[in-house]
Amino acid sequence: MLYTGAVSQDFFRAPVTTMTASQLERRRKLTEAVIEIVSETGPENLQMREVAERSGVALGTAYRYFASKEHLLAAAWANWHRQLTERVMAETAARGGKKAGDTVCERVLGFVQREMRAFQRNPNFARLAVLVEASSDPYVSETLAELGEENQRVMRALMEGVPEEIAAPAQTAIGSTLGMGLISWTTGRATLTETQRNLTEVTRLVLRDL
């Protein structure tokens, strides 16, 4: 059931960077509650009231941070995925350049394989990714655009030195293969092994000799 209180639409669009510490904390509690629930039971039947109860944030207040359940699911998905991308970026920065014998293809392949292992450990998040990507909610679109920019930064860091005319289509091909693979896997049309193999083959194809 949607909250029907009078809430300014402008509040929904307030950037996270402008929120106070207490607002950020409430927002964090809401997304962490979603991550916990999705991990336990999946995203399909999640209810806003359940999220509010688990997070300790009032239902009406929850709708002041997220315009819809889909918006909240997208934010939780972005936060879950960000944990992986932040680790990869930290490791890339700590490495300070590629190691002897390291290649662009190996670095990118290592990243996408880690991503697939994360989905393998908890397939519920693969279903969440597919559910969110299929949404037409404008707030979801904004969240996914931000996540896409983060993914692009990671991929470009891993593809350092690769010309834009090669890096851009390569990233598109790998991302599309991953997206379609998750759909096929979560709907039972492909096994996880097949999905991983296809992703590996496409990555090696578009980044061969790099």
N, C-alpha and C. Protein backbone atom coordinates (compact mmCIF):
# COMPACT_ATOMS: atom_id res chain seq x y z
N MET A 1 0.85 -1.19 0.00
CA MET A 1 0.00 0.00 0.00
C MET A 1 0.88 1.24 0.00
N LEU A 2 0.63 2.19 -0.91
CA LEU A 2 1.44 3.38 -1.00
C LEU A 2 1.06 4.39 0.06
N TYR A 3 2.04 5.10 0.56
CA TYR A 3 1.82 6.18 1.49
C TYR A 3 1.18 7.34 0.74
N THR A 4 0.10 7.91 1.26
CA THR A 4 -0.63 8.94 0.54
C THR A 4 -0.52 10.31 1.17
N GLY A 5 0.40 10.46 2.10
CA GLY A 5 0.58 11.76 2.73
C GLY A 5 1.12 12.77 1.74
N ALA A 6 0.97 14.06 2.06
CA ALA A 6 1.45 15.12 1.17
C ALA A 6 2.95 15.28 1.34
N VAL A 7 3.68 14.86 0.34
CA VAL A 7 5.13 14.94 0.38
C VAL A 7 5.61 15.68 -0.85
N SER A 8 6.48 16.64 -0.69
CA SER A 8 7.01 17.39 -1.81
C SER A 8 7.80 16.49 -2.74
N GLN A 9 7.47 16.55 -4.04
CA GLN A 9 8.21 15.75 -5.01
C GLN A 9 9.66 16.18 -5.07
N ASP A 10 9.95 17.46 -4.77
CA ASP A 10 11.32 17.93 -4.82
C ASP A 10 12.19 17.20 -3.81
N PHE A 11 11.58 16.74 -2.70
CA PHE A 11 12.37 16.05 -1.68
C PHE A 11 12.97 14.78 -2.25
N PHE A 12 12.17 14.10 -3.10
CA PHE A 12 12.64 12.84 -3.67
C PHE A 12 13.90 13.06 -4.50
N ARG A 13 14.01 14.23 -5.11
CA ARG A 13 15.12 14.48 -6.02
C ARG A 13 16.31 15.10 -5.31
N ALA A 14 16.22 15.34 -4.03
CA ALA A 14 17.35 15.92 -3.31
C ALA A 14 18.54 14.97 -3.39
N PRO A 15 19.68 15.45 -3.87
CA PRO A 15 20.86 14.58 -3.97
C PRO A 15 21.28 14.06 -2.61
N VAL A 16 21.81 12.85 -2.60
CA VAL A 16 22.29 12.27 -1.35
C VAL A 16 23.37 13.16 -0.75
N THR A 17 24.14 13.84 -1.60
CA THR A 17 25.24 14.67 -1.12
C THR A 17 24.77 15.87 -0.31
N THR A 18 23.48 16.22 -0.41
CA THR A 18 22.97 17.38 0.33
C THR A 18 22.25 16.96 1.62
N MET A 19 22.14 15.67 1.88
CA MET A 19 21.42 15.20 3.06
C MET A 19 22.25 15.40 4.32
N THR A 20 21.55 15.58 5.44
CA THR A 20 22.22 15.71 6.73
C THR A 20 22.66 14.32 7.19
N ALA A 21 23.46 14.28 8.23
CA ALA A 21 23.93 13.00 8.76
C ALA A 21 22.77 12.12 9.20
N SER A 22 21.78 12.71 9.84
CA SER A 22 20.63 11.92 10.31
C SER A 22 19.80 11.41 9.13
N GLN A 23 19.68 12.21 8.09
CA GLN A 23 18.95 11.76 6.90
C GLN A 23 19.68 10.61 6.22
N LEU A 24 20.97 10.75 6.11
CA LEU A 24 21.77 9.68 5.50
C LEU A 24 21.67 8.39 6.30
N GLU A 25 21.63 8.51 7.62
CA GLU A 25 21.53 7.33 8.46
C GLU A 25 20.19 6.64 8.27
N ARG A 26 19.10 7.40 8.19
CA ARG A 26 17.79 6.79 7.94
C ARG A 26 17.75 6.13 6.57
N ARG A 27 18.33 6.79 5.60
CA ARG A 27 18.36 6.21 4.26
C ARG A 27 19.17 4.92 4.26
N ARG A 28 20.29 4.91 4.96
CA ARG A 28 21.13 3.71 5.05
C ARG A 28 20.36 2.56 5.70
N LYS A 29 19.63 2.86 6.77
CA LYS A 29 18.87 1.82 7.47
C LYS A 29 17.82 1.20 6.54
N LEU A 30 17.20 2.03 5.72
CA LEU A 30 16.19 1.53 4.80
C LEU A 30 16.80 0.61 3.75
N THR A 31 17.90 1.03 3.14
CA THR A 31 18.50 0.19 2.10
C THR A 31 19.11 -1.08 2.68
N GLU A 32 19.67 -0.99 3.88
CA GLU A 32 20.25 -2.18 4.50
C GLU A 32 19.15 -3.18 4.88
N ALA A 33 18.00 -2.66 5.28
CA ALA A 33 16.87 -3.55 5.59
C ALA A 33 16.43 -4.29 4.34
N VAL A 34 16.40 -3.59 3.21
CA VAL A 34 16.04 -4.23 1.94
C VAL A 34 17.05 -5.30 1.58
N ILE A 35 18.33 -5.00 1.71
CA ILE A 35 19.37 -5.98 1.40
C ILE A 35 19.21 -7.23 2.26
N GLU A 36 18.90 -7.05 3.52
CA GLU A 36 18.70 -8.20 4.41
C GLU A 36 17.49 -9.02 3.97
N ILE A 37 16.39 -8.35 3.66
CA ILE A 37 15.17 -9.05 3.27
C ILE A 37 15.34 -9.77 1.95
N VAL A 38 15.95 -9.09 0.98
CA VAL A 38 16.18 -9.72 -0.32
C VAL A 38 17.09 -10.94 -0.16
N SER A 39 18.11 -10.83 0.66
CA SER A 39 19.03 -11.95 0.89
C SER A 39 18.28 -13.15 1.46
N GLU A 40 17.30 -12.88 2.30
CA GLU A 40 16.57 -13.96 2.96
C GLU A 40 15.46 -14.56 2.11
N THR A 41 14.68 -13.70 1.46
CA THR A 41 13.45 -14.17 0.81
C THR A 41 13.31 -13.78 -0.65
N GLY A 42 14.21 -12.95 -1.18
CA GLY A 42 14.08 -12.50 -2.55
C GLY A 42 13.35 -11.17 -2.64
N PRO A 43 13.37 -10.54 -3.83
CA PRO A 43 12.80 -9.20 -3.97
C PRO A 43 11.33 -9.15 -4.36
N GLU A 44 10.78 -10.26 -4.84
CA GLU A 44 9.47 -10.20 -5.49
C GLU A 44 8.32 -9.79 -4.55
N ASN A 45 8.34 -10.27 -3.34
CA ASN A 45 7.21 -10.01 -2.44
C ASN A 45 7.55 -9.02 -1.32
N LEU A 46 8.63 -8.30 -1.48
CA LEU A 46 9.02 -7.33 -0.46
C LEU A 46 7.95 -6.25 -0.32
N GLN A 47 7.66 -5.90 0.92
CA GLN A 47 6.65 -4.87 1.22
C GLN A 47 7.31 -3.70 1.94
N MET A 48 6.88 -2.50 1.61
CA MET A 48 7.43 -1.30 2.24
C MET A 48 7.21 -1.32 3.75
N ARG A 49 6.07 -1.83 4.18
CA ARG A 49 5.80 -1.86 5.61
C ARG A 49 6.80 -2.75 6.33
N GLU A 50 7.16 -3.87 5.71
CA GLU A 50 8.14 -4.77 6.31
C GLU A 50 9.50 -4.07 6.41
N VAL A 51 9.85 -3.32 5.37
CA VAL A 51 11.11 -2.59 5.38
C VAL A 51 11.12 -1.55 6.49
N ALA A 52 10.01 -0.84 6.63
CA ALA A 52 9.90 0.18 7.67
C ALA A 52 10.05 -0.44 9.06
N GLU A 53 9.39 -1.56 9.28
CA GLU A 53 9.44 -2.21 10.59
C GLU A 53 10.85 -2.70 10.90
N ARG A 54 11.51 -3.30 9.91
CA ARG A 54 12.84 -3.84 10.17
C ARG A 54 13.88 -2.73 10.35
N SER A 55 13.73 -1.65 9.62
CA SER A 55 14.71 -0.56 9.68
C SER A 55 14.49 0.37 10.86
N GLY A 56 13.26 0.35 11.41
CA GLY A 56 12.94 1.27 12.49
C GLY A 56 12.63 2.67 11.98
N VAL A 57 12.43 2.81 10.68
CA VAL A 57 12.08 4.10 10.08
C VAL A 57 10.59 4.07 9.76
N ALA A 58 9.86 5.11 10.15
CA ALA A 58 8.43 5.16 9.94
C ALA A 58 8.09 5.03 8.45
N LEU A 59 6.97 4.39 8.14
CA LEU A 59 6.58 4.15 6.76
C LEU A 59 6.46 5.46 5.99
N GLY A 60 5.82 6.45 6.59
CA GLY A 60 5.69 7.73 5.91
C GLY A 60 7.03 8.38 5.64
N THR A 61 7.94 8.24 6.58
CA THR A 61 9.29 8.80 6.40
C THR A 61 10.03 8.06 5.28
N ALA A 62 9.80 6.76 5.19
CA ALA A 62 10.46 5.99 4.13
C ALA A 62 10.10 6.54 2.77
N TYR A 63 8.84 6.95 2.60
CA TYR A 63 8.41 7.49 1.31
C TYR A 63 8.92 8.91 1.09
N ARG A 64 9.49 9.51 2.09
CA ARG A 64 10.12 10.81 1.89
C ARG A 64 11.53 10.67 1.30
N TYR A 65 12.07 9.46 1.39
CA TYR A 65 13.39 9.19 0.83
C TYR A 65 13.29 8.44 -0.50
N PHE A 66 12.25 7.63 -0.64
CA PHE A 66 12.09 6.82 -1.84
C PHE A 66 10.65 6.94 -2.32
N ALA A 67 10.50 7.35 -3.57
CA ALA A 67 9.18 7.64 -4.11
C ALA A 67 8.31 6.41 -4.31
N SER A 68 8.92 5.23 -4.36
CA SER A 68 8.18 4.01 -4.59
C SER A 68 8.99 2.82 -4.09
N LYS A 69 8.35 1.67 -4.03
CA LYS A 69 9.08 0.46 -3.64
C LYS A 69 10.17 0.14 -4.66
N GLU A 70 9.88 0.34 -5.93
CA GLU A 70 10.89 0.08 -6.96
C GLU A 70 12.09 0.99 -6.80
N HIS A 71 11.84 2.24 -6.43
CA HIS A 71 12.93 3.20 -6.19
C HIS A 71 13.83 2.70 -5.05
N LEU A 72 13.22 2.22 -3.99
CA LEU A 72 13.98 1.71 -2.86
C LEU A 72 14.74 0.44 -3.24
N LEU A 73 14.12 -0.44 -3.99
CA LEU A 73 14.80 -1.65 -4.44
C LEU A 73 16.03 -1.30 -5.29
N ALA A 74 15.87 -0.31 -6.15
CA ALA A 74 16.98 0.10 -7.01
C ALA A 74 18.13 0.66 -6.18
N ALA A 75 17.80 1.46 -5.16
CA ALA A 75 18.84 2.04 -4.30
C ALA A 75 19.56 0.94 -3.53
N ALA A 76 18.81 -0.05 -3.06
CA ALA A 76 19.42 -1.16 -2.33
C ALA A 76 20.32 -1.98 -3.26
N TRP A 77 19.86 -2.22 -4.47
CA TRP A 77 20.67 -2.95 -5.45
C TRP A 77 21.95 -2.19 -5.74
N ALA A 78 21.84 -0.87 -5.92
CA ALA A 78 23.03 -0.06 -6.19
C ALA A 78 24.01 -0.13 -5.03
N ASN A 79 23.51 -0.07 -3.80
CA ASN A 79 24.39 -0.13 -2.63
C ASN A 79 25.08 -1.49 -2.52
N TRP A 80 24.33 -2.55 -2.79
CA TRP A 80 24.90 -3.90 -2.73
C TRP A 80 26.00 -4.03 -3.77
N HIS A 81 25.74 -3.58 -4.98
CA HIS A 81 26.72 -3.70 -6.05
C HIS A 81 27.91 -2.78 -5.81
N ARG A 82 27.68 -1.64 -5.20
CA ARG A 82 28.75 -0.67 -4.95
C ARG A 82 29.82 -1.26 -4.04
N GLN A 83 29.43 -2.16 -3.16
CA GLN A 83 30.41 -2.78 -2.27
C GLN A 83 31.48 -3.52 -3.08
N LEU A 84 31.05 -4.15 -4.18
CA LEU A 84 32.01 -4.85 -5.04
C LEU A 84 32.87 -3.87 -5.81
N THR A 85 32.24 -2.88 -6.43
CA THR A 85 33.01 -1.94 -7.25
C THR A 85 34.00 -1.14 -6.42
N GLU A 86 33.63 -0.80 -5.19
CA GLU A 86 34.56 -0.06 -4.33
C GLU A 86 35.77 -0.90 -3.97
N ARG A 87 35.57 -2.20 -3.75
CA ARG A 87 36.71 -3.08 -3.45
C ARG A 87 37.64 -3.17 -4.66
N VAL A 88 37.05 -3.28 -5.84
CA VAL A 88 37.86 -3.38 -7.05
C VAL A 88 38.65 -2.10 -7.28
N MET A 89 38.01 -0.94 -7.08
CA MET A 89 38.69 0.34 -7.28
C MET A 89 39.82 0.50 -6.27
N ALA A 90 39.59 0.09 -5.03
CA ALA A 90 40.62 0.20 -3.99
C ALA A 90 41.81 -0.69 -4.34
N GLU A 91 41.54 -1.89 -4.81
CA GLU A 91 42.62 -2.80 -5.18
C GLU A 91 43.39 -2.27 -6.38
N THR A 92 42.66 -1.66 -7.33
CA THR A 92 43.32 -1.11 -8.52
C THR A 92 44.23 0.04 -8.13
N ALA A 93 43.75 0.91 -7.23
CA ALA A 93 44.55 2.05 -6.78
C ALA A 93 45.76 1.58 -5.99
N ALA A 94 45.57 0.57 -5.15
CA ALA A 94 46.67 0.07 -4.32
C ALA A 94 47.75 -0.58 -5.18
N ARG A 95 47.33 -1.16 -6.30
CA ARG A 95 48.28 -1.83 -7.18
C ARG A 95 49.19 -0.82 -7.87
N GLY A 96 48.63 0.39 -8.15
CA GLY A 96 49.42 1.46 -8.74
C GLY A 96 49.97 1.11 -10.11
N GLY A 97 49.16 0.50 -10.93
CA GLY A 97 49.62 0.11 -12.26
C GLY A 97 49.57 -1.40 -12.41
N LYS A 98 49.58 -1.86 -13.64
CA LYS A 98 49.42 -3.30 -13.84
C LYS A 98 50.69 -4.06 -13.51
N LYS A 99 50.51 -5.27 -13.06
CA LYS A 99 51.64 -6.12 -12.69
C LYS A 99 52.26 -6.75 -13.94
N ALA A 100 53.47 -7.25 -13.77
CA ALA A 100 54.13 -7.92 -14.88
C ALA A 100 53.28 -9.10 -15.33
N GLY A 101 53.04 -9.19 -16.63
CA GLY A 101 52.24 -10.28 -17.16
C GLY A 101 50.75 -10.04 -17.09
N ASP A 102 50.34 -8.94 -16.44
CA ASP A 102 48.92 -8.60 -16.32
C ASP A 102 48.45 -8.00 -17.63
N THR A 103 47.22 -8.30 -18.01
CA THR A 103 46.65 -7.72 -19.24
C THR A 103 45.31 -7.09 -18.93
N VAL A 104 44.86 -6.22 -19.82
CA VAL A 104 43.54 -5.60 -19.67
C VAL A 104 42.47 -6.69 -19.63
N CYS A 105 42.57 -7.64 -20.53
CA CYS A 105 41.58 -8.71 -20.59
C CYS A 105 41.50 -9.47 -19.26
N GLU A 106 42.64 -9.77 -18.67
CA GLU A 106 42.66 -10.51 -17.40
C GLU A 106 42.04 -9.69 -16.28
N ARG A 107 42.32 -8.38 -16.26
CA ARG A 107 41.78 -7.53 -15.21
C ARG A 107 40.26 -7.43 -15.30
N VAL A 108 39.77 -7.19 -16.51
CA VAL A 108 38.32 -7.07 -16.70
C VAL A 108 37.64 -8.41 -16.44
N LEU A 109 38.24 -9.48 -16.94
CA LEU A 109 37.67 -10.81 -16.73
C LEU A 109 37.62 -11.14 -15.24
N GLY A 110 38.65 -10.76 -14.50
CA GLY A 110 38.66 -10.99 -13.07
C GLY A 110 37.51 -10.27 -12.38
N PHE A 111 37.21 -9.04 -12.84
CA PHE A 111 36.12 -8.27 -12.26
C PHE A 111 34.77 -8.91 -12.54
N VAL A 112 34.50 -9.27 -13.80
CA VAL A 112 33.19 -9.83 -14.12
C VAL A 112 33.01 -11.21 -13.49
N GLN A 113 34.10 -11.94 -13.34
CA GLN A 113 33.99 -13.24 -12.68
C GLN A 113 33.69 -13.08 -11.20
N ARG A 114 34.26 -12.06 -10.57
CA ARG A 114 33.93 -11.77 -9.17
C ARG A 114 32.46 -11.40 -9.03
N GLU A 115 31.98 -10.64 -10.00
CA GLU A 115 30.58 -10.25 -9.99
C GLU A 115 29.68 -11.48 -10.08
N MET A 116 30.01 -12.40 -10.95
CA MET A 116 29.21 -13.61 -11.09
C MET A 116 29.29 -14.48 -9.84
N ARG A 117 30.46 -14.52 -9.20
CA ARG A 117 30.57 -15.31 -7.96
C ARG A 117 29.69 -14.70 -6.86
N ALA A 118 29.59 -13.38 -6.85
CA ALA A 118 28.71 -12.72 -5.87
C ALA A 118 27.26 -13.11 -6.11
N PHE A 119 26.85 -13.16 -7.37
CA PHE A 119 25.49 -13.58 -7.69
C PHE A 119 25.30 -15.06 -7.36
N GLN A 120 26.33 -15.86 -7.58
CA GLN A 120 26.24 -17.28 -7.28
C GLN A 120 26.02 -17.51 -5.79
N ARG A 121 26.71 -16.72 -4.95
CA ARG A 121 26.55 -16.86 -3.51
C ARG A 121 25.14 -16.50 -3.06
N ASN A 122 24.50 -15.56 -3.74
CA ASN A 122 23.14 -15.19 -3.38
C ASN A 122 22.36 -14.85 -4.64
N PRO A 123 21.74 -15.84 -5.28
CA PRO A 123 20.99 -15.63 -6.52
C PRO A 123 19.85 -14.63 -6.37
N ASN A 124 19.41 -14.38 -5.15
CA ASN A 124 18.32 -13.41 -4.96
C ASN A 124 18.70 -12.04 -5.50
N PHE A 125 19.99 -11.71 -5.46
CA PHE A 125 20.41 -10.41 -5.95
C PHE A 125 20.49 -10.39 -7.47
N ALA A 126 20.66 -11.53 -8.08
CA ALA A 126 20.56 -11.59 -9.53
C ALA A 126 19.12 -11.31 -9.94
N ARG A 127 18.17 -11.87 -9.20
CA ARG A 127 16.76 -11.60 -9.48
C ARG A 127 16.42 -10.14 -9.22
N LEU A 128 17.03 -9.56 -8.19
CA LEU A 128 16.80 -8.15 -7.90
C LEU A 128 17.31 -7.29 -9.05
N ALA A 129 18.49 -7.62 -9.57
CA ALA A 129 19.05 -6.85 -10.68
C ALA A 129 18.13 -6.89 -11.89
N VAL A 130 17.62 -8.07 -12.21
CA VAL A 130 16.73 -8.22 -13.35
C VAL A 130 15.43 -7.45 -13.13
N LEU A 131 14.89 -7.53 -11.92
CA LEU A 131 13.65 -6.84 -11.59
C LEU A 131 13.81 -5.33 -11.73
N VAL A 132 14.89 -4.82 -11.21
CA VAL A 132 15.13 -3.38 -11.24
C VAL A 132 15.36 -2.90 -12.68
N GLU A 133 16.14 -3.65 -13.44
CA GLU A 133 16.45 -3.24 -14.81
C GLU A 133 15.19 -3.17 -15.68
N ALA A 134 14.17 -3.96 -15.33
CA ALA A 134 12.94 -3.99 -16.13
C ALA A 134 11.97 -2.87 -15.74
N SER A 135 12.28 -2.11 -14.71
CA SER A 135 11.36 -1.08 -14.22
C SER A 135 11.37 0.15 -15.12
N SER A 136 10.19 0.77 -15.25
CA SER A 136 10.07 2.02 -16.01
C SER A 136 9.96 3.23 -15.08
N ASP A 137 10.08 3.00 -13.78
CA ASP A 137 10.00 4.08 -12.80
C ASP A 137 11.12 5.09 -13.06
N PRO A 138 10.79 6.39 -13.19
CA PRO A 138 11.84 7.38 -13.48
C PRO A 138 12.89 7.49 -12.39
N TYR A 139 12.51 7.27 -11.14
CA TYR A 139 13.48 7.32 -10.06
C TYR A 139 14.44 6.13 -10.14
N VAL A 140 13.93 5.00 -10.58
CA VAL A 140 14.79 3.84 -10.79
C VAL A 140 15.78 4.14 -11.92
N SER A 141 15.29 4.77 -12.97
CA SER A 141 16.15 5.12 -14.09
C SER A 141 17.30 6.02 -13.65
N GLU A 142 17.01 6.97 -12.77
CA GLU A 142 18.05 7.86 -12.25
C GLU A 142 19.08 7.08 -11.45
N THR A 143 18.60 6.18 -10.61
CA THR A 143 19.50 5.38 -9.79
C THR A 143 20.38 4.48 -10.65
N LEU A 144 19.78 3.86 -11.66
CA LEU A 144 20.55 2.99 -12.55
C LEU A 144 21.56 3.79 -13.36
N ALA A 145 21.21 5.02 -13.72
CA ALA A 145 22.16 5.86 -14.45
C ALA A 145 23.38 6.15 -13.60
N GLU A 146 23.15 6.43 -12.32
CA GLU A 146 24.27 6.68 -11.40
C GLU A 146 25.12 5.43 -11.24
N LEU A 147 24.46 4.28 -11.12
CA LEU A 147 25.19 3.02 -11.00
C LEU A 147 25.98 2.73 -12.26
N GLY A 148 25.40 3.07 -13.41
CA GLY A 148 26.10 2.87 -14.67
C GLY A 148 27.36 3.71 -14.75
N GLU A 149 27.31 4.93 -14.22
CA GLU A 149 28.49 5.79 -14.21
C GLU A 149 29.58 5.20 -13.32
N GLU A 150 29.17 4.62 -12.19
CA GLU A 150 30.14 3.99 -11.30
C GLU A 150 30.79 2.78 -11.98
N ASN A 151 29.97 1.98 -12.63
CA ASN A 151 30.51 0.81 -13.34
C ASN A 151 31.47 1.24 -14.44
N GLN A 152 31.12 2.34 -15.10
CA GLN A 152 31.98 2.83 -16.17
C GLN A 152 33.34 3.25 -15.63
N ARG A 153 33.35 3.89 -14.46
CA ARG A 153 34.62 4.31 -13.87
C ARG A 153 35.49 3.10 -13.55
N VAL A 154 34.85 2.04 -13.04
CA VAL A 154 35.61 0.83 -12.72
C VAL A 154 36.18 0.21 -13.99
N MET A 155 35.32 0.07 -15.00
CA MET A 155 35.78 -0.56 -16.23
C MET A 155 36.88 0.26 -16.90
N ARG A 156 36.74 1.58 -16.88
CA ARG A 156 37.76 2.41 -17.51
C ARG A 156 39.07 2.33 -16.73
N ALA A 157 38.99 2.19 -15.42
CA ALA A 157 40.21 2.03 -14.63
C ALA A 157 40.89 0.71 -14.98
N LEU A 158 40.09 -0.33 -15.17
CA LEU A 158 40.65 -1.63 -15.53
C LEU A 158 41.16 -1.64 -16.96
N MET A 159 40.60 -0.77 -17.82
CA MET A 159 41.01 -0.69 -19.22
C MET A 159 41.94 0.49 -19.46
N GLU A 160 42.64 0.89 -18.45
CA GLU A 160 43.53 2.05 -18.58
C GLU A 160 44.47 1.88 -19.78
N GLY A 161 44.50 2.93 -20.61
CA GLY A 161 45.37 2.90 -21.78
C GLY A 161 44.70 2.40 -23.03
N VAL A 162 43.49 1.84 -22.91
CA VAL A 162 42.77 1.34 -24.08
C VAL A 162 42.05 2.51 -24.76
N PRO A 163 42.19 2.69 -26.06
CA PRO A 163 41.52 3.79 -26.76
C PRO A 163 40.00 3.75 -26.57
N GLU A 164 39.39 4.93 -26.53
CA GLU A 164 37.96 5.03 -26.30
C GLU A 164 37.15 4.26 -27.34
N GLU A 165 37.60 4.27 -28.59
CA GLU A 165 36.84 3.60 -29.63
C GLU A 165 36.83 2.08 -29.46
N ILE A 166 37.72 1.56 -28.63
CA ILE A 166 37.72 0.14 -28.30
C ILE A 166 37.05 -0.11 -26.95
N ALA A 167 37.36 0.75 -25.96
CA ALA A 167 36.85 0.56 -24.61
C ALA A 167 35.33 0.68 -24.54
N ALA A 168 34.76 1.67 -25.22
CA ALA A 168 33.32 1.89 -25.14
C ALA A 168 32.50 0.72 -25.67
N PRO A 169 32.74 0.24 -26.90
CA PRO A 169 31.96 -0.91 -27.37
C PRO A 169 32.25 -2.19 -26.60
N ALA A 170 33.48 -2.31 -26.09
CA ALA A 170 33.80 -3.50 -25.30
C ALA A 170 32.97 -3.52 -24.03
N GLN A 171 32.89 -2.37 -23.37
CA GLN A 171 32.09 -2.29 -22.15
C GLN A 171 30.62 -2.57 -22.43
N THR A 172 30.11 -2.06 -23.55
CA THR A 172 28.72 -2.31 -23.93
C THR A 172 28.47 -3.79 -24.16
N ALA A 173 29.39 -4.43 -24.87
CA ALA A 173 29.23 -5.86 -25.17
C ALA A 173 29.25 -6.70 -23.90
N ILE A 174 30.18 -6.40 -23.01
CA ILE A 174 30.30 -7.16 -21.76
C ILE A 174 29.08 -6.93 -20.88
N GLY A 175 28.66 -5.66 -20.75
CA GLY A 175 27.50 -5.36 -19.93
C GLY A 175 26.23 -5.99 -20.46
N SER A 176 26.05 -5.97 -21.77
CA SER A 176 24.86 -6.57 -22.38
C SER A 176 24.85 -8.08 -22.19
N THR A 177 26.01 -8.69 -22.33
CA THR A 177 26.11 -10.14 -22.13
C THR A 177 25.79 -10.52 -20.69
N LEU A 178 26.28 -9.73 -19.75
CA LEU A 178 25.98 -9.99 -18.34
C LEU A 178 24.49 -9.82 -18.08
N GLY A 179 23.89 -8.74 -18.58
CA GLY A 179 22.47 -8.50 -18.35
C GLY A 179 21.60 -9.61 -18.92
N MET A 180 21.85 -9.99 -20.17
CA MET A 180 21.07 -11.06 -20.78
C MET A 180 21.33 -12.39 -20.09
N GLY A 181 22.56 -12.57 -19.64
CA GLY A 181 22.88 -13.81 -18.93
C GLY A 181 22.12 -13.94 -17.63
N LEU A 182 22.00 -12.84 -16.90
CA LEU A 182 21.26 -12.87 -15.64
C LEU A 182 19.78 -13.18 -15.89
N ILE A 183 19.23 -12.61 -16.95
CA ILE A 183 17.83 -12.91 -17.28
C ILE A 183 17.66 -14.39 -17.59
N SER A 184 18.53 -14.92 -18.43
CA SER A 184 18.43 -16.34 -18.82
C SER A 184 18.61 -17.26 -17.62
N TRP A 185 19.55 -16.91 -16.75
CA TRP A 185 19.81 -17.75 -15.58
C TRP A 185 18.66 -17.70 -14.59
N THR A 186 18.19 -16.50 -14.27
CA THR A 186 17.15 -16.38 -13.25
C THR A 186 15.79 -16.90 -13.72
N THR A 187 15.61 -17.00 -15.04
CA THR A 187 14.35 -17.54 -15.56
C THR A 187 14.46 -19.01 -15.93
N GLY A 188 15.63 -19.61 -15.67
CA GLY A 188 15.80 -21.04 -15.89
C GLY A 188 16.08 -21.43 -17.33
N ARG A 189 16.38 -20.45 -18.18
CA ARG A 189 16.65 -20.77 -19.59
C ARG A 189 18.12 -21.08 -19.83
N ALA A 190 18.95 -20.84 -18.83
CA ALA A 190 20.38 -21.16 -18.93
C ALA A 190 20.89 -21.49 -17.55
N THR A 191 21.92 -22.31 -17.49
CA THR A 191 22.53 -22.63 -16.21
C THR A 191 23.54 -21.55 -15.85
N LEU A 192 23.95 -21.54 -14.61
CA LEU A 192 24.96 -20.59 -14.18
C LEU A 192 26.27 -20.83 -14.94
N THR A 193 26.61 -22.10 -15.14
CA THR A 193 27.83 -22.44 -15.87
C THR A 193 27.80 -21.88 -17.29
N GLU A 194 26.67 -22.02 -17.96
CA GLU A 194 26.53 -21.49 -19.32
C GLU A 194 26.65 -19.97 -19.33
N THR A 195 26.03 -19.34 -18.34
CA THR A 195 26.08 -17.88 -18.24
C THR A 195 27.51 -17.41 -18.03
N GLN A 196 28.22 -18.06 -17.14
CA GLN A 196 29.61 -17.69 -16.88
C GLN A 196 30.48 -17.93 -18.11
N ARG A 197 30.25 -19.03 -18.80
CA ARG A 197 31.06 -19.33 -19.98
C ARG A 197 30.84 -18.28 -21.08
N ASN A 198 29.58 -17.91 -21.31
CA ASN A 198 29.29 -16.90 -22.33
C ASN A 198 29.95 -15.56 -22.00
N LEU A 199 29.89 -15.18 -20.73
CA LEU A 199 30.48 -13.92 -20.31
C LEU A 199 31.99 -13.94 -20.49
N THR A 200 32.60 -15.05 -20.16
CA THR A 200 34.05 -15.19 -20.33
C THR A 200 34.44 -15.13 -21.80
N GLU A 201 33.69 -15.83 -22.64
CA GLU A 201 34.01 -15.86 -24.07
C GLU A 201 33.88 -14.48 -24.70
N VAL A 202 32.82 -13.74 -24.35
CA VAL A 202 32.63 -12.41 -24.92
C VAL A 202 33.72 -11.46 -24.44
N THR A 203 34.07 -11.54 -23.17
CA THR A 203 35.12 -10.67 -22.63
C THR A 203 36.44 -10.94 -23.33
N ARG A 204 36.77 -12.21 -23.51
CA ARG A 204 38.02 -12.55 -24.19
C ARG A 204 37.99 -12.12 -25.65
N LEU A 205 36.82 -12.19 -26.27
CA LEU A 205 36.71 -11.81 -27.68
C LEU A 205 36.92 -10.32 -27.88
N VAL A 206 36.23 -9.51 -27.09
CA VAL A 206 36.29 -8.06 -27.32
C VAL A 206 37.57 -7.42 -26.79
N LEU A 207 38.27 -8.13 -25.90
CA LEU A 207 39.50 -7.58 -25.34
C LEU A 207 40.73 -8.42 -25.70
N ARG A 208 40.61 -9.21 -26.73
CA ARG A 208 41.74 -10.05 -27.12
C ARG A 208 42.94 -9.17 -27.50
N ASP A 209 44.09 -9.66 -27.15
CA ASP A 209 45.36 -8.98 -27.44
C ASP A 209 45.54 -7.69 -26.65
N LEU A 210 44.70 -7.46 -25.62
CA LEU A 210 44.85 -6.23 -24.81
C LEU A 210 45.26 -6.60 -23.39
